[in-house]
Amino acid sequence: MVRIHKISFYAIDHSDDFDSAEDYFYENIDGLKYGGFTVPTELKMGNEFEFDDGLVINQIDCSLDEYDKYFKTRV
């Protein structure tokens, strides 16, 4: 049997190592294929902001609404 998994998540690039969401995807996600393949449907990159360890998005139980506050799509 074959199964498709759709996974959406936020990834924080603390070191500003990647120029785009596509770069992050192909470096970190696409390389994890184990007998399957990945097809990115929507890759967006948010604006830069100052990260602090005390931010609510640095907590394990952070809600998606909190991530949405920090994520603004580049135009």
C-alpha atoms as a PDB file:
ATOM      1  CA  MET A   1       0.000   0.000   0.000  1.00  0.00           C
ATOM      2  CA  VAL A   2       1.069   3.564  -0.693  1.00  0.00           C
ATOM      3  CA  ARG A   3       0.321   6.527   1.510  1.00  0.00           C
ATOM      4  CA  ILE A   4       0.807  10.279   1.031  1.00  0.00           C
ATOM      5  CA  HIS A   5       1.637  12.497   3.996  1.00  0.00           C
ATOM      6  CA  LYS A   6       1.103  16.243   3.817  1.00  0.00           C
ATOM      7  CA  ILE A   7       3.250  18.012   6.387  1.00  0.00           C
ATOM      8  CA  SER A   8       3.219  21.750   7.065  1.00  0.00           C
ATOM      9  CA  PHE A   9       5.620  23.317   9.554  1.00  0.00           C
ATOM     10  CA  TYR A  10       7.612  26.414  10.409  1.00  0.00           C
ATOM     11  CA  ALA A  11      11.414  26.142  10.363  1.00  0.00           C
ATOM     12  CA  ILE A  12      13.528  28.786  12.117  1.00  0.00           C
ATOM     13  CA  ASP A  13      16.884  29.531  10.481  1.00  0.00           C
ATOM     14  CA  HIS A  14      18.688  30.874  13.579  1.00  0.00           C
ATOM     15  CA  SER A  15      21.983  31.398  11.766  1.00  0.00           C
ATOM     16  CA  ASP A  16      20.536  32.903   8.580  1.00  0.00           C
ATOM     17  CA  ASP A  17      22.230  30.132   6.583  1.00  0.00           C
ATOM     18  CA  PHE A  18      19.631  29.890   3.827  1.00  0.00           C
ATOM     19  CA  ASP A  19      18.746  32.501   1.215  1.00  0.00           C
ATOM     20  CA  SER A  20      15.272  31.143   0.567  1.00  0.00           C
ATOM     21  CA  ALA A  21      12.693  28.627   1.737  1.00  0.00           C
ATOM     22  CA  GLU A  22      13.568  26.573  -1.334  1.00  0.00           C
ATOM     23  CA  ASP A  23      17.214  26.401  -0.229  1.00  0.00           C
ATOM     24  CA  TYR A  24      16.123  25.270   3.232  1.00  0.00           C
ATOM     25  CA  PHE A  25      13.797  22.649   1.789  1.00  0.00           C
ATOM     26  CA  TYR A  26      16.282  21.129  -0.622  1.00  0.00           C
ATOM     27  CA  GLU A  27      19.109  21.124   1.938  1.00  0.00           C
ATOM     28  CA  ASN A  28      17.144  19.787   4.921  1.00  0.00           C
ATOM     29  CA  ILE A  29      13.943  18.099   3.782  1.00  0.00           C
ATOM     30  CA  ASP A  30      14.402  16.806   0.262  1.00  0.00           C
ATOM     31  CA  GLY A  31      17.559  14.939   1.293  1.00  0.00           C
ATOM     32  CA  LEU A  32      15.589  12.878   3.822  1.00  0.00           C
ATOM     33  CA  LYS A  33      13.811  10.774   1.247  1.00  0.00           C
ATOM     34  CA  TYR A  34      13.757   7.114   2.140  1.00  0.00           C
ATOM     35  CA  GLY A  35      12.332   5.217  -0.784  1.00  0.00           C
ATOM     36  CA  GLY A  36       9.935   7.985  -1.782  1.00  0.00           C
ATOM     37  CA  PHE A  37      10.109  11.503  -3.075  1.00  0.00           C
ATOM     38  CA  THR A  38       9.008  14.934  -1.915  1.00  0.00           C
ATOM     39  CA  VAL A  39       7.085  17.485  -3.948  1.00  0.00           C
ATOM     40  CA  PRO A  40       7.057  20.988  -2.460  1.00  0.00           C
ATOM     41  CA  THR A  41       3.714  22.661  -3.104  1.00  0.00           C
ATOM     42  CA  GLU A  42       4.237  25.991  -1.393  1.00  0.00           C
ATOM     43  CA  LEU A  43       7.492  27.409  -0.046  1.00  0.00           C
ATOM     44  CA  LYS A  44       7.492  30.886   1.501  1.00  0.00           C
ATOM     45  CA  MET A  45      10.080  32.880   3.399  1.00  0.00           C
ATOM     46  CA  GLY A  46       9.246  35.300   6.196  1.00  0.00           C
ATOM     47  CA  ASN A  47      10.860  38.634   6.970  1.00  0.00           C
ATOM     48  CA  GLU A  48      13.919  38.827   9.213  1.00  0.00           C
ATOM     49  CA  PHE A  49      13.500  39.648  12.894  1.00  0.00           C
ATOM     50  CA  GLU A  50      15.636  39.705  16.033  1.00  0.00           C
ATOM     51  CA  PHE A  51      15.490  36.318  17.773  1.00  0.00           C
ATOM     52  CA  ASP A  52      15.603  36.094  21.540  1.00  0.00           C
ATOM     53  CA  ASP A  53      15.528  32.951  23.694  1.00  0.00           C
ATOM     54  CA  GLY A  54      12.567  34.398  25.600  1.00  0.00           C
ATOM     55  CA  LEU A  55      10.279  34.575  22.543  1.00  0.00           C
ATOM     56  CA  VAL A  56       7.118  32.519  22.775  1.00  0.00           C
ATOM     57  CA  ILE A  57       8.023  30.767  19.484  1.00  0.00           C
ATOM     58  CA  ASN A  58      11.052  29.281  21.247  1.00  0.00           C
ATOM     59  CA  GLN A  59       8.769  27.187  23.466  1.00  0.00           C
ATOM     60  CA  ILE A  60       7.793  23.608  22.657  1.00  0.00           C
ATOM     61  CA  ASP A  61       4.072  24.169  23.261  1.00  0.00           C
ATOM     62  CA  CYS A  62       3.850  27.313  21.115  1.00  0.00           C
ATOM     63  CA  SER A  63       0.646  27.686  19.102  1.00  0.00           C
ATOM     64  CA  LEU A  64       0.532  28.177  15.341  1.00  0.00           C
ATOM     65  CA  ASP A  65      -1.065  31.582  15.931  1.00  0.00           C
ATOM     66  CA  GLU A  66       2.116  32.730  17.667  1.00  0.00           C
ATOM     67  CA  TYR A  67       4.255  31.589  14.728  1.00  0.00           C
ATOM     68  CA  ASP A  68       1.873  33.403  12.366  1.00  0.00           C
ATOM     69  CA  LYS A  69       2.561  36.667  14.251  1.00  0.00           C
ATOM     70  CA  TYR A  70       6.243  36.451  13.372  1.00  0.00           C
ATOM     71  CA  PHE A  71       5.786  35.136   9.848  1.00  0.00           C
ATOM     72  CA  LYS A  72       5.101  37.763   7.213  1.00  0.00           C
ATOM     73  CA  THR A  73       5.549  36.713   3.616  1.00  0.00           C
ATOM     74  CA  ARG A  74       8.115  38.583   1.562  1.00  0.00           C
ATOM     75  CA  VAL A  75       6.594  40.238  -1.461  1.00  0.00           C
END
